[in-house]
Amino acid sequence: MGIRVLIADDHAVVRSGLGMLIDAQPDLEVVGYAADGKEAFDKALEIKLDVVLMDLSMPPGENGLSATGRLKEAAPDIQVLVLTMHDDEEYLFRVLQAGAAGYILKSAPDLDLIAAIRTVSKGMAYLYPSATKSLIEEFLQMVKNGEEQAKYEILTEREKEVLILIAKGFSNKEIAEQLTVSVKTVESHKAHIMEKLHLRTRPDLVRYAIKKGWLDFE
């Protein structure tokens, strides 16, 4: 049996084009279409399928990000591949938080899209461009294995505050101003966090904050 795909996009022409591309593959089959996130969520629960190709922005209905989060809670075995025009870390982290297996750009070549669908259908992570694929795979594997959860509990409340602000991109000076402490104190907290969690870089801190569910990108 082929890989069953639901296409969610608010543009009919895009849905049609993607449908023809996917149906032309011997191992893929389009089993449904949706014009917004709510319709995608409802149909995904009605139709037996493997992958939802989810557009991130679908005004005026429910967006793909919200629908992805709801769908992964209701049907965790269905894989979501987010289709987006945006290629930056903020969207990557939001997609990961929502539970998607990865994302691909709308500007990606057809062969890359087909490869992405096949990849996520196997429960594997896919991120475009492929140079950053290791980031999403590492993050998802950590979540799956539940590794190092106990380390979070050894942070003080103030250290957690500092960690969250660092992960959100604030500088040491900005953090010091928000918490009404000295920059030296912030630097000390950061050093303690790194030591306790055995982390070395800012991306490491961001991944930990996401895994703990401390970042809100709304």
N, C-alpha and C. Protein backbone atom coordinates (compact mmCIF):
# COMPACT_ATOMS: atom_id res chain seq x y z
N MET A 1 0.85 -1.20 0.00
CA MET A 1 0.00 0.00 0.00
C MET A 1 0.88 1.24 0.00
N GLY A 2 0.49 2.25 -0.81
CA GLY A 2 1.30 3.45 -0.92
C GLY A 2 1.16 4.37 0.28
N ILE A 3 1.95 5.42 0.27
CA ILE A 3 1.91 6.43 1.33
C ILE A 3 0.74 7.35 1.06
N ARG A 4 -0.18 7.44 2.02
CA ARG A 4 -1.40 8.23 1.85
C ARG A 4 -1.20 9.65 2.36
N VAL A 5 -1.47 10.63 1.52
CA VAL A 5 -1.15 12.03 1.81
C VAL A 5 -2.40 12.90 1.76
N LEU A 6 -2.52 13.80 2.74
CA LEU A 6 -3.54 14.85 2.74
C LEU A 6 -2.84 16.17 2.49
N ILE A 7 -3.34 16.95 1.55
CA ILE A 7 -2.74 18.24 1.21
C ILE A 7 -3.59 19.37 1.79
N ALA A 8 -2.98 20.21 2.62
CA ALA A 8 -3.68 21.34 3.23
C ALA A 8 -3.04 22.64 2.76
N ASP A 9 -3.76 23.40 1.96
CA ASP A 9 -3.27 24.69 1.45
C ASP A 9 -4.48 25.52 1.07
N ASP A 10 -4.42 26.83 1.32
CA ASP A 10 -5.59 27.67 1.07
C ASP A 10 -5.73 28.08 -0.39
N HIS A 11 -4.78 27.73 -1.24
CA HIS A 11 -4.87 28.07 -2.66
C HIS A 11 -5.23 26.82 -3.47
N ALA A 12 -6.35 26.86 -4.16
CA ALA A 12 -6.83 25.72 -4.93
C ALA A 12 -5.84 25.29 -6.01
N VAL A 13 -5.21 26.28 -6.66
CA VAL A 13 -4.26 25.96 -7.72
C VAL A 13 -3.06 25.21 -7.16
N VAL A 14 -2.60 25.64 -5.98
CA VAL A 14 -1.47 24.97 -5.34
C VAL A 14 -1.86 23.54 -4.95
N ARG A 15 -3.04 23.39 -4.37
CA ARG A 15 -3.50 22.05 -4.00
C ARG A 15 -3.54 21.13 -5.22
N SER A 16 -4.07 21.64 -6.31
CA SER A 16 -4.19 20.85 -7.53
C SER A 16 -2.82 20.45 -8.08
N GLY A 17 -1.91 21.42 -8.11
CA GLY A 17 -0.57 21.14 -8.63
C GLY A 17 0.18 20.13 -7.78
N LEU A 18 0.09 20.29 -6.45
CA LEU A 18 0.73 19.34 -5.56
C LEU A 18 0.12 17.96 -5.69
N GLY A 19 -1.21 17.94 -5.86
CA GLY A 19 -1.90 16.66 -6.01
C GLY A 19 -1.44 15.90 -7.23
N MET A 20 -1.30 16.59 -8.36
CA MET A 20 -0.85 15.93 -9.58
C MET A 20 0.59 15.42 -9.43
N LEU A 21 1.44 16.23 -8.80
CA LEU A 21 2.82 15.83 -8.59
C LEU A 21 2.92 14.58 -7.72
N ILE A 22 2.18 14.58 -6.62
CA ILE A 22 2.25 13.47 -5.67
C ILE A 22 1.62 12.20 -6.25
N ASP A 23 0.45 12.35 -6.90
CA ASP A 23 -0.23 11.19 -7.48
C ASP A 23 0.55 10.54 -8.62
N ALA A 24 1.48 11.31 -9.19
CA ALA A 24 2.29 10.76 -10.29
C ALA A 24 3.36 9.78 -9.78
N GLN A 25 3.56 9.75 -8.47
CA GLN A 25 4.55 8.85 -7.89
C GLN A 25 3.91 7.48 -7.61
N PRO A 26 4.58 6.41 -7.97
CA PRO A 26 3.97 5.07 -7.82
C PRO A 26 3.70 4.66 -6.38
N ASP A 27 4.42 5.27 -5.42
CA ASP A 27 4.27 4.87 -4.03
C ASP A 27 3.52 5.90 -3.18
N LEU A 28 2.99 6.94 -3.82
CA LEU A 28 2.27 7.99 -3.10
C LEU A 28 0.85 8.12 -3.63
N GLU A 29 -0.06 8.48 -2.73
CA GLU A 29 -1.46 8.65 -3.12
C GLU A 29 -2.09 9.79 -2.31
N VAL A 30 -2.68 10.74 -3.00
CA VAL A 30 -3.40 11.83 -2.34
C VAL A 30 -4.79 11.33 -1.98
N VAL A 31 -5.12 11.37 -0.70
CA VAL A 31 -6.41 10.85 -0.24
C VAL A 31 -7.36 11.96 0.22
N GLY A 32 -6.90 13.21 0.17
CA GLY A 32 -7.78 14.28 0.59
C GLY A 32 -7.13 15.65 0.45
N TYR A 33 -7.98 16.68 0.48
CA TYR A 33 -7.52 18.07 0.39
C TYR A 33 -8.21 18.89 1.47
N ALA A 34 -7.54 19.96 1.91
CA ALA A 34 -8.12 20.86 2.91
C ALA A 34 -7.69 22.29 2.59
N ALA A 35 -8.59 23.25 2.85
CA ALA A 35 -8.31 24.65 2.54
C ALA A 35 -7.84 25.45 3.74
N ASP A 36 -7.96 24.87 4.96
CA ASP A 36 -7.45 25.55 6.15
C ASP A 36 -7.12 24.51 7.22
N GLY A 37 -6.60 24.98 8.34
CA GLY A 37 -6.16 24.07 9.39
C GLY A 37 -7.27 23.25 10.00
N LYS A 38 -8.43 23.87 10.20
CA LYS A 38 -9.56 23.15 10.81
C LYS A 38 -10.01 22.00 9.91
N GLU A 39 -10.12 22.28 8.62
CA GLU A 39 -10.54 21.23 7.69
C GLU A 39 -9.49 20.13 7.63
N ALA A 40 -8.22 20.50 7.68
CA ALA A 40 -7.15 19.51 7.67
C ALA A 40 -7.23 18.62 8.90
N PHE A 41 -7.46 19.23 10.05
CA PHE A 41 -7.58 18.46 11.29
C PHE A 41 -8.76 17.50 11.22
N ASP A 42 -9.92 17.99 10.80
CA ASP A 42 -11.11 17.16 10.75
C ASP A 42 -10.94 15.99 9.77
N LYS A 43 -10.42 16.27 8.58
CA LYS A 43 -10.27 15.22 7.57
C LYS A 43 -9.20 14.20 7.96
N ALA A 44 -8.16 14.68 8.65
CA ALA A 44 -7.09 13.77 9.06
C ALA A 44 -7.60 12.72 10.03
N LEU A 45 -8.61 13.09 10.82
CA LEU A 45 -9.19 12.15 11.77
C LEU A 45 -10.24 11.25 11.12
N GLU A 46 -10.75 11.67 9.95
CA GLU A 46 -11.78 10.88 9.26
C GLU A 46 -11.18 9.90 8.26
N ILE A 47 -10.10 10.31 7.61
CA ILE A 47 -9.51 9.52 6.53
C ILE A 47 -8.26 8.79 7.03
N LYS A 48 -8.09 7.56 6.62
CA LYS A 48 -6.88 6.84 6.98
C LYS A 48 -5.73 7.37 6.13
N LEU A 49 -4.72 7.94 6.76
CA LEU A 49 -3.61 8.53 6.01
C LEU A 49 -2.31 8.43 6.81
N ASP A 50 -1.23 8.77 6.13
CA ASP A 50 0.11 8.66 6.74
C ASP A 50 0.76 10.02 6.96
N VAL A 51 0.56 10.94 6.00
CA VAL A 51 1.26 12.23 6.04
C VAL A 51 0.30 13.36 5.69
N VAL A 52 0.39 14.45 6.44
CA VAL A 52 -0.31 15.68 6.09
C VAL A 52 0.73 16.68 5.61
N LEU A 53 0.57 17.15 4.37
CA LEU A 53 1.42 18.21 3.85
C LEU A 53 0.71 19.51 4.19
N MET A 54 1.23 20.22 5.19
CA MET A 54 0.49 21.32 5.82
C MET A 54 1.12 22.68 5.51
N ASP A 55 0.34 23.52 4.81
CA ASP A 55 0.78 24.90 4.60
C ASP A 55 0.78 25.62 5.94
N LEU A 56 1.81 26.42 6.21
CA LEU A 56 1.92 27.07 7.51
C LEU A 56 0.93 28.22 7.67
N SER A 57 0.72 28.98 6.61
CA SER A 57 -0.16 30.15 6.67
C SER A 57 -1.38 29.92 5.79
N MET A 58 -2.56 29.85 6.43
CA MET A 58 -3.79 29.63 5.67
C MET A 58 -4.91 30.55 6.17
N PRO A 59 -4.78 31.86 5.93
CA PRO A 59 -5.84 32.77 6.33
C PRO A 59 -7.06 32.58 5.42
N PRO A 60 -8.27 32.88 5.91
CA PRO A 60 -8.60 33.41 7.23
C PRO A 60 -8.91 32.30 8.25
N GLY A 61 -8.82 31.03 7.85
CA GLY A 61 -9.13 29.94 8.77
C GLY A 61 -7.99 29.65 9.73
N GLU A 62 -8.08 28.52 10.40
CA GLU A 62 -7.03 28.11 11.35
C GLU A 62 -5.72 27.88 10.59
N ASN A 63 -4.61 28.39 11.13
CA ASN A 63 -3.34 28.23 10.43
C ASN A 63 -2.76 26.83 10.61
N GLY A 64 -1.77 26.53 9.80
CA GLY A 64 -1.19 25.19 9.82
C GLY A 64 -0.47 24.86 11.10
N LEU A 65 0.11 25.87 11.74
CA LEU A 65 0.85 25.63 12.97
C LEU A 65 -0.08 25.15 14.09
N SER A 66 -1.19 25.85 14.25
CA SER A 66 -2.16 25.49 15.26
C SER A 66 -2.76 24.11 14.98
N ALA A 67 -3.09 23.88 13.72
CA ALA A 67 -3.67 22.59 13.34
C ALA A 67 -2.69 21.45 13.57
N THR A 68 -1.43 21.70 13.32
CA THR A 68 -0.41 20.68 13.53
C THR A 68 -0.34 20.27 15.00
N GLY A 69 -0.34 21.26 15.88
CA GLY A 69 -0.29 20.97 17.30
C GLY A 69 -1.48 20.14 17.76
N ARG A 70 -2.69 20.52 17.30
CA ARG A 70 -3.90 19.78 17.68
C ARG A 70 -3.88 18.37 17.11
N LEU A 71 -3.42 18.25 15.87
CA LEU A 71 -3.42 16.95 15.21
C LEU A 71 -2.44 15.98 15.87
N LYS A 72 -1.28 16.48 16.25
CA LYS A 72 -0.29 15.60 16.87
C LYS A 72 -0.74 15.12 18.24
N GLU A 73 -1.57 15.90 18.90
CA GLU A 73 -2.13 15.46 20.18
C GLU A 73 -3.21 14.41 19.96
N ALA A 74 -4.04 14.62 18.93
CA ALA A 74 -5.16 13.71 18.69
C ALA A 74 -4.75 12.44 17.95
N ALA A 75 -3.77 12.55 17.05
CA ALA A 75 -3.34 11.40 16.24
C ALA A 75 -1.83 11.45 16.05
N PRO A 76 -1.07 11.09 17.08
CA PRO A 76 0.39 11.20 17.02
C PRO A 76 1.07 10.37 15.94
N ASP A 77 0.39 9.34 15.44
CA ASP A 77 1.01 8.49 14.41
C ASP A 77 0.99 9.13 13.03
N ILE A 78 0.16 10.15 12.85
CA ILE A 78 0.13 10.86 11.57
C ILE A 78 1.29 11.85 11.52
N GLN A 79 2.09 11.77 10.47
CA GLN A 79 3.24 12.65 10.35
C GLN A 79 2.85 13.94 9.61
N VAL A 80 3.35 15.06 10.10
CA VAL A 80 3.05 16.35 9.48
C VAL A 80 4.32 16.95 8.89
N LEU A 81 4.26 17.24 7.60
CA LEU A 81 5.35 17.93 6.92
C LEU A 81 4.85 19.33 6.59
N VAL A 82 5.44 20.33 7.20
CA VAL A 82 5.00 21.71 7.01
C VAL A 82 5.60 22.28 5.73
N LEU A 83 4.74 22.93 4.95
CA LEU A 83 5.14 23.57 3.71
C LEU A 83 5.10 25.07 3.95
N THR A 84 6.21 25.75 3.74
CA THR A 84 6.28 27.17 4.10
C THR A 84 7.17 27.97 3.17
N MET A 85 6.96 29.27 3.15
CA MET A 85 7.82 30.18 2.40
C MET A 85 8.98 30.66 3.27
N HIS A 86 8.88 30.43 4.57
CA HIS A 86 9.83 31.00 5.53
C HIS A 86 11.00 30.05 5.80
N ASP A 87 12.20 30.60 5.74
CA ASP A 87 13.40 29.80 5.98
C ASP A 87 14.25 30.48 7.06
N ASP A 88 13.81 30.40 8.32
CA ASP A 88 14.60 30.96 9.40
C ASP A 88 14.35 30.15 10.67
N GLU A 89 15.20 30.36 11.67
CA GLU A 89 15.16 29.54 12.87
C GLU A 89 13.88 29.69 13.67
N GLU A 90 13.29 30.89 13.66
CA GLU A 90 12.07 31.09 14.44
C GLU A 90 10.98 30.14 13.96
N TYR A 91 10.82 30.04 12.64
CA TYR A 91 9.80 29.14 12.12
C TYR A 91 10.16 27.68 12.37
N LEU A 92 11.44 27.37 12.31
CA LEU A 92 11.87 26.01 12.62
C LEU A 92 11.46 25.63 14.03
N PHE A 93 11.74 26.48 15.00
CA PHE A 93 11.42 26.17 16.39
C PHE A 93 9.91 26.08 16.61
N ARG A 94 9.15 26.94 15.93
CA ARG A 94 7.71 26.89 16.09
C ARG A 94 7.15 25.59 15.52
N VAL A 95 7.70 25.17 14.39
CA VAL A 95 7.27 23.92 13.76
C VAL A 95 7.59 22.74 14.66
N LEU A 96 8.77 22.75 15.26
CA LEU A 96 9.18 21.67 16.16
C LEU A 96 8.29 21.63 17.39
N GLN A 97 8.01 22.79 17.95
CA GLN A 97 7.15 22.84 19.12
C GLN A 97 5.77 22.27 18.83
N ALA A 98 5.29 22.51 17.64
CA ALA A 98 3.95 22.03 17.27
C ALA A 98 3.92 20.53 17.06
N GLY A 99 5.08 19.91 16.86
CA GLY A 99 5.13 18.46 16.72
C GLY A 99 5.33 17.96 15.31
N ALA A 100 5.57 18.86 14.36
CA ALA A 100 5.79 18.42 12.98
C ALA A 100 7.08 17.63 12.85
N ALA A 101 7.12 16.75 11.85
CA ALA A 101 8.34 15.97 11.61
C ALA A 101 9.38 16.78 10.86
N GLY A 102 8.98 17.94 10.36
CA GLY A 102 9.93 18.80 9.67
C GLY A 102 9.22 19.78 8.77
N TYR A 103 9.99 20.50 7.96
CA TYR A 103 9.36 21.42 7.01
C TYR A 103 10.18 21.51 5.75
N ILE A 104 9.50 21.92 4.68
CA ILE A 104 10.15 22.10 3.39
C ILE A 104 9.67 23.41 2.79
N LEU A 105 10.53 24.09 2.09
CA LEU A 105 10.17 25.37 1.49
C LEU A 105 9.32 25.18 0.24
N LYS A 106 8.42 26.12 0.00
CA LYS A 106 7.60 26.07 -1.20
C LYS A 106 8.45 26.23 -2.46
N SER A 107 9.62 26.80 -2.30
CA SER A 107 10.52 27.00 -3.44
C SER A 107 11.40 25.78 -3.72
N ALA A 108 11.26 24.74 -2.92
CA ALA A 108 12.10 23.55 -3.09
C ALA A 108 11.76 22.82 -4.38
N PRO A 109 12.74 22.15 -4.99
CA PRO A 109 12.48 21.35 -6.19
C PRO A 109 11.48 20.23 -5.92
N ASP A 110 10.77 19.82 -6.95
CA ASP A 110 9.77 18.76 -6.81
C ASP A 110 10.34 17.49 -6.20
N LEU A 111 11.53 17.12 -6.62
CA LEU A 111 12.14 15.88 -6.13
C LEU A 111 12.41 15.95 -4.63
N ASP A 112 12.74 17.15 -4.14
CA ASP A 112 12.98 17.31 -2.70
C ASP A 112 11.69 17.15 -1.92
N LEU A 113 10.59 17.66 -2.46
CA LEU A 113 9.30 17.53 -1.80
C LEU A 113 8.90 16.06 -1.70
N ILE A 114 9.05 15.34 -2.79
CA ILE A 114 8.71 13.91 -2.79
C ILE A 114 9.59 13.15 -1.80
N ALA A 115 10.86 13.48 -1.77
CA ALA A 115 11.78 12.83 -0.83
C ALA A 115 11.39 13.14 0.60
N ALA A 116 10.94 14.38 0.85
CA ALA A 116 10.54 14.77 2.20
C ALA A 116 9.32 13.98 2.67
N ILE A 117 8.35 13.81 1.79
CA ILE A 117 7.14 13.05 2.14
C ILE A 117 7.51 11.61 2.48
N ARG A 118 8.35 11.02 1.65
CA ARG A 118 8.77 9.63 1.90
C ARG A 118 9.53 9.51 3.22
N THR A 119 10.34 10.51 3.51
CA THR A 119 11.15 10.47 4.72
C THR A 119 10.29 10.54 5.98
N VAL A 120 9.39 11.53 6.04
CA VAL A 120 8.57 11.68 7.25
C VAL A 120 7.57 10.54 7.41
N SER A 121 7.17 9.92 6.30
CA SER A 121 6.23 8.80 6.39
C SER A 121 6.83 7.63 7.15
N LYS A 122 8.15 7.57 7.21
CA LYS A 122 8.85 6.51 7.93
C LYS A 122 9.11 6.88 9.39
N GLY A 123 8.60 8.04 9.80
CA GLY A 123 8.83 8.48 11.16
C GLY A 123 10.16 9.17 11.36
N MET A 124 10.82 9.53 10.26
CA MET A 124 12.11 10.20 10.31
C MET A 124 11.93 11.71 10.16
N ALA A 125 12.91 12.46 10.61
CA ALA A 125 12.86 13.91 10.52
C ALA A 125 13.37 14.40 9.17
N TYR A 126 12.75 15.46 8.67
CA TYR A 126 13.21 16.07 7.44
C TYR A 126 13.19 17.59 7.59
N LEU A 127 14.30 18.20 7.25
CA LEU A 127 14.38 19.66 7.31
C LEU A 127 15.06 20.18 6.07
N TYR A 128 14.49 21.19 5.48
CA TYR A 128 15.07 21.80 4.29
C TYR A 128 15.54 23.20 4.65
N PRO A 129 16.76 23.59 4.38
CA PRO A 129 17.78 22.84 3.65
C PRO A 129 18.41 21.72 4.47
N SER A 130 18.93 20.74 3.80
CA SER A 130 19.43 19.54 4.46
C SER A 130 20.64 19.81 5.34
N ALA A 131 21.30 20.95 5.17
CA ALA A 131 22.49 21.25 5.99
C ALA A 131 22.16 21.33 7.46
N THR A 132 20.92 21.66 7.80
CA THR A 132 20.53 21.78 9.20
C THR A 132 19.69 20.60 9.67
N LYS A 133 19.67 19.53 8.89
CA LYS A 133 18.86 18.37 9.23
C LYS A 133 19.25 17.76 10.57
N SER A 134 20.55 17.82 10.87
CA SER A 134 21.01 17.21 12.12
C SER A 134 20.39 17.87 13.34
N LEU A 135 20.06 19.17 13.24
CA LEU A 135 19.45 19.89 14.36
C LEU A 135 18.10 19.30 14.73
N ILE A 136 17.24 19.13 13.74
CA ILE A 136 15.90 18.61 14.02
C ILE A 136 15.95 17.15 14.44
N GLU A 137 16.85 16.36 13.84
CA GLU A 137 16.94 14.95 14.20
C GLU A 137 17.41 14.80 15.65
N GLU A 138 18.36 15.61 16.04
CA GLU A 138 18.85 15.54 17.42
C GLU A 138 17.76 15.94 18.39
N PHE A 139 17.05 17.02 18.06
CA PHE A 139 15.98 17.48 18.95
C PHE A 139 14.89 16.43 19.10
N LEU A 140 14.42 15.88 17.98
CA LEU A 140 13.33 14.90 18.04
C LEU A 140 13.77 13.62 18.75
N GLN A 141 15.03 13.23 18.57
CA GLN A 141 15.51 12.03 19.24
C GLN A 141 15.57 12.24 20.75
N MET A 142 15.97 13.45 21.17
CA MET A 142 16.02 13.75 22.60
C MET A 142 14.63 13.69 23.21
N VAL A 143 13.64 14.24 22.48
CA VAL A 143 12.27 14.21 22.97
C VAL A 143 11.76 12.78 23.05
N LYS A 144 12.05 12.00 22.01
CA LYS A 144 11.58 10.62 21.96
C LYS A 144 12.16 9.80 23.11
N ASN A 145 13.43 9.98 23.38
CA ASN A 145 14.11 9.18 24.41
C ASN A 145 13.92 9.72 25.82
N GLY A 146 13.46 10.99 25.92
CA GLY A 146 13.29 11.60 27.24
C GLY A 146 14.62 11.74 27.97
N GLU A 147 15.68 12.00 27.24
CA GLU A 147 17.01 12.04 27.83
C GLU A 147 17.22 13.27 28.70
N GLU A 148 17.92 13.09 29.78
CA GLU A 148 18.43 14.16 30.62
C GLU A 148 17.34 15.04 31.21
N GLN A 149 16.12 14.53 31.37
CA GLN A 149 15.06 15.34 31.95
C GLN A 149 15.41 15.81 33.36
N ALA A 150 16.08 14.94 34.10
CA ALA A 150 16.37 15.25 35.50
C ALA A 150 17.26 16.48 35.64
N LYS A 151 18.05 16.77 34.61
CA LYS A 151 18.97 17.90 34.70
C LYS A 151 18.23 19.23 34.86
N TYR A 152 17.01 19.31 34.28
CA TYR A 152 16.26 20.55 34.40
C TYR A 152 15.92 20.86 35.85
N GLU A 153 15.72 19.82 36.61
CA GLU A 153 15.25 20.01 37.98
C GLU A 153 16.33 20.58 38.88
N ILE A 154 17.58 20.55 38.45
CA ILE A 154 18.65 21.07 39.30
C ILE A 154 18.87 22.57 39.09
N LEU A 155 18.14 23.17 38.15
CA LEU A 155 18.24 24.61 37.95
C LEU A 155 17.38 25.35 38.97
N THR A 156 17.90 26.47 39.45
CA THR A 156 17.10 27.31 40.34
C THR A 156 16.09 28.08 39.48
N GLU A 157 15.08 28.67 40.12
CA GLU A 157 14.09 29.43 39.38
C GLU A 157 14.72 30.60 38.63
N ARG A 158 15.68 31.25 39.25
CA ARG A 158 16.35 32.37 38.58
C ARG A 158 17.15 31.88 37.38
N GLU A 159 17.80 30.73 37.53
CA GLU A 159 18.56 30.17 36.41
C GLU A 159 17.64 29.81 35.25
N LYS A 160 16.44 29.32 35.58
CA LYS A 160 15.47 29.02 34.53
C LYS A 160 15.04 30.30 33.81
N GLU A 161 14.86 31.38 34.58
CA GLU A 161 14.50 32.67 33.98
C GLU A 161 15.58 33.12 33.01
N VAL A 162 16.82 33.02 33.44
CA VAL A 162 17.94 33.45 32.61
C VAL A 162 18.03 32.58 31.36
N LEU A 163 17.86 31.27 31.53
CA LEU A 163 17.92 30.34 30.40
C LEU A 163 16.87 30.70 29.36
N ILE A 164 15.65 30.96 29.80
CA ILE A 164 14.57 31.29 28.87
C ILE A 164 14.88 32.57 28.10
N LEU A 165 15.37 33.58 28.79
CA LEU A 165 15.68 34.85 28.14
C LEU A 165 16.85 34.72 27.16
N ILE A 166 17.84 33.91 27.52
CA ILE A 166 18.95 33.66 26.61
C ILE A 166 18.44 32.96 25.36
N ALA A 167 17.59 31.95 25.56
CA ALA A 167 17.06 31.18 24.43
C ALA A 167 16.20 32.04 23.52
N LYS A 168 15.57 33.09 24.08
CA LYS A 168 14.74 33.99 23.28
C LYS A 168 15.57 35.05 22.57
N GLY A 169 16.87 35.05 22.79
CA GLY A 169 17.74 35.95 22.04
C GLY A 169 18.14 37.23 22.71
N PHE A 170 17.82 37.40 24.00
CA PHE A 170 18.20 38.61 24.71
C PHE A 170 19.68 38.60 25.06
N SER A 171 20.31 39.76 25.04
CA SER A 171 21.72 39.88 25.41
C SER A 171 21.84 39.86 26.93
N ASN A 172 23.07 39.68 27.41
CA ASN A 172 23.31 39.69 28.86
C ASN A 172 22.86 41.02 29.49
N LYS A 173 23.11 42.12 28.78
CA LYS A 173 22.72 43.43 29.29
C LYS A 173 21.20 43.56 29.38
N GLU A 174 20.52 43.09 28.35
CA GLU A 174 19.05 43.16 28.34
C GLU A 174 18.44 42.29 29.43
N ILE A 175 19.05 41.13 29.64
CA ILE A 175 18.57 40.23 30.70
C ILE A 175 18.78 40.88 32.06
N ALA A 176 19.93 41.50 32.25
CA ALA A 176 20.23 42.17 33.52
C ALA A 176 19.21 43.26 33.81
N GLU A 177 18.84 44.01 32.76
CA GLU A 177 17.86 45.09 32.94
C GLU A 177 16.48 44.53 33.29
N GLN A 178 16.10 43.43 32.63
CA GLN A 178 14.78 42.84 32.90
C GLN A 178 14.68 42.25 34.30
N LEU A 179 15.76 41.66 34.77
CA LEU A 179 15.74 40.99 36.08
C LEU A 179 16.25 41.89 37.20
N THR A 180 16.66 43.11 36.83
CA THR A 180 17.19 44.08 37.80
C THR A 180 18.37 43.50 38.57
N VAL A 181 19.32 43.00 37.82
CA VAL A 181 20.57 42.49 38.40
C VAL A 181 21.71 43.02 37.55
N SER A 182 22.95 42.76 37.98
CA SER A 182 24.11 43.21 37.21
C SER A 182 24.41 42.24 36.06
N VAL A 183 25.11 42.74 35.06
CA VAL A 183 25.52 41.90 33.94
C VAL A 183 26.42 40.78 34.44
N LYS A 184 27.24 41.07 35.43
CA LYS A 184 28.12 40.07 35.99
C LYS A 184 27.32 38.92 36.62
N THR A 185 26.20 39.26 37.25
CA THR A 185 25.35 38.23 37.85
C THR A 185 24.73 37.35 36.77
N VAL A 186 24.30 37.96 35.67
CA VAL A 186 23.74 37.20 34.55
C VAL A 186 24.79 36.25 33.99
N GLU A 187 26.00 36.75 33.82
CA GLU A 187 27.08 35.92 33.30
C GLU A 187 27.37 34.74 34.22
N SER A 188 27.27 34.99 35.53
CA SER A 188 27.48 33.94 36.51
C SER A 188 26.38 32.87 36.41
N HIS A 189 25.13 33.33 36.29
CA HIS A 189 24.02 32.40 36.13
C HIS A 189 24.20 31.56 34.86
N LYS A 190 24.60 32.21 33.78
CA LYS A 190 24.78 31.51 32.52
C LYS A 190 25.85 30.43 32.64
N ALA A 191 26.94 30.77 33.32
CA ALA A 191 28.02 29.79 33.51
C ALA A 191 27.54 28.60 34.32
N HIS A 192 26.73 28.86 35.35
CA HIS A 192 26.21 27.77 36.18
C HIS A 192 25.25 26.88 35.38
N ILE A 193 24.42 27.52 34.54
CA ILE A 193 23.48 26.76 33.71
C ILE A 193 24.24 25.83 32.77
N MET A 194 25.23 26.39 32.09
CA MET A 194 26.04 25.61 31.15
C MET A 194 26.70 24.42 31.85
N GLU A 195 27.20 24.68 33.05
CA GLU A 195 27.89 23.63 33.80
C GLU A 195 26.91 22.54 34.24
N LYS A 196 25.75 22.95 34.78
CA LYS A 196 24.78 21.98 35.28
C LYS A 196 24.19 21.11 34.16
N LEU A 197 23.94 21.73 33.01
CA LEU A 197 23.29 21.00 31.91
C LEU A 197 24.29 20.42 30.92
N HIS A 198 25.57 20.68 31.17
CA HIS A 198 26.63 20.18 30.28
C HIS A 198 26.42 20.69 28.85
N LEU A 199 26.14 21.98 28.74
CA LEU A 199 25.94 22.61 27.44
C LEU A 199 27.11 23.53 27.13
N ARG A 200 27.28 23.82 25.83
CA ARG A 200 28.42 24.64 25.44
C ARG A 200 28.05 25.87 24.62
N THR A 201 26.93 25.82 23.89
CA THR A 201 26.60 26.90 22.97
C THR A 201 25.18 27.41 23.17
N ARG A 202 24.89 28.57 22.60
CA ARG A 202 23.54 29.15 22.66
C ARG A 202 22.51 28.24 21.98
N PRO A 203 22.79 27.65 20.79
CA PRO A 203 21.82 26.71 20.22
C PRO A 203 21.48 25.55 21.15
N ASP A 204 22.46 25.11 21.95
CA ASP A 204 22.19 24.05 22.92
C ASP A 204 21.14 24.52 23.92
N LEU A 205 21.29 25.76 24.38
CA LEU A 205 20.33 26.32 25.34
C LEU A 205 18.94 26.43 24.72
N VAL A 206 18.88 26.84 23.46
CA VAL A 206 17.60 26.98 22.78
C VAL A 206 16.90 25.62 22.69
N ARG A 207 17.65 24.59 22.32
CA ARG A 207 17.06 23.26 22.19
C ARG A 207 16.50 22.78 23.53
N TYR A 208 17.24 23.03 24.60
CA TYR A 208 16.78 22.61 25.93
C TYR A 208 15.52 23.36 26.33
N ALA A 209 15.48 24.66 26.03
CA ALA A 209 14.30 25.46 26.39
C ALA A 209 13.08 24.99 25.62
N ILE A 210 13.25 24.64 24.35
CA ILE A 210 12.15 24.13 23.54
C ILE A 210 11.66 22.81 24.09
N LYS A 211 12.61 21.93 24.40
CA LYS A 211 12.26 20.61 24.90
C LYS A 211 11.45 20.70 26.19
N LYS A 212 11.77 21.67 27.00
CA LYS A 212 11.07 21.83 28.27
C LYS A 212 9.73 22.56 28.07
N GLY A 213 9.52 23.12 26.88
CA GLY A 213 8.26 23.82 26.63
C GLY A 213 8.21 25.22 27.21
N TRP A 214 9.37 25.84 27.36
CA TRP A 214 9.44 27.17 27.99
C TRP A 214 9.35 28.33 27.01
N LEU A 215 9.44 28.07 25.73
CA LEU A 215 9.43 29.17 24.76
C LEU A 215 8.06 29.35 24.15
N ASP A 216 7.62 30.58 24.05
CA ASP A 216 6.33 30.91 23.47
C ASP A 216 6.58 31.90 22.34
N PHE A 217 6.32 31.47 21.09
CA PHE A 217 6.61 32.32 19.95
C PHE A 217 5.40 33.08 19.45
N GLU A 218 4.29 32.97 20.18
CA GLU A 218 3.10 33.68 19.71
C GLU A 218 3.27 35.19 19.92
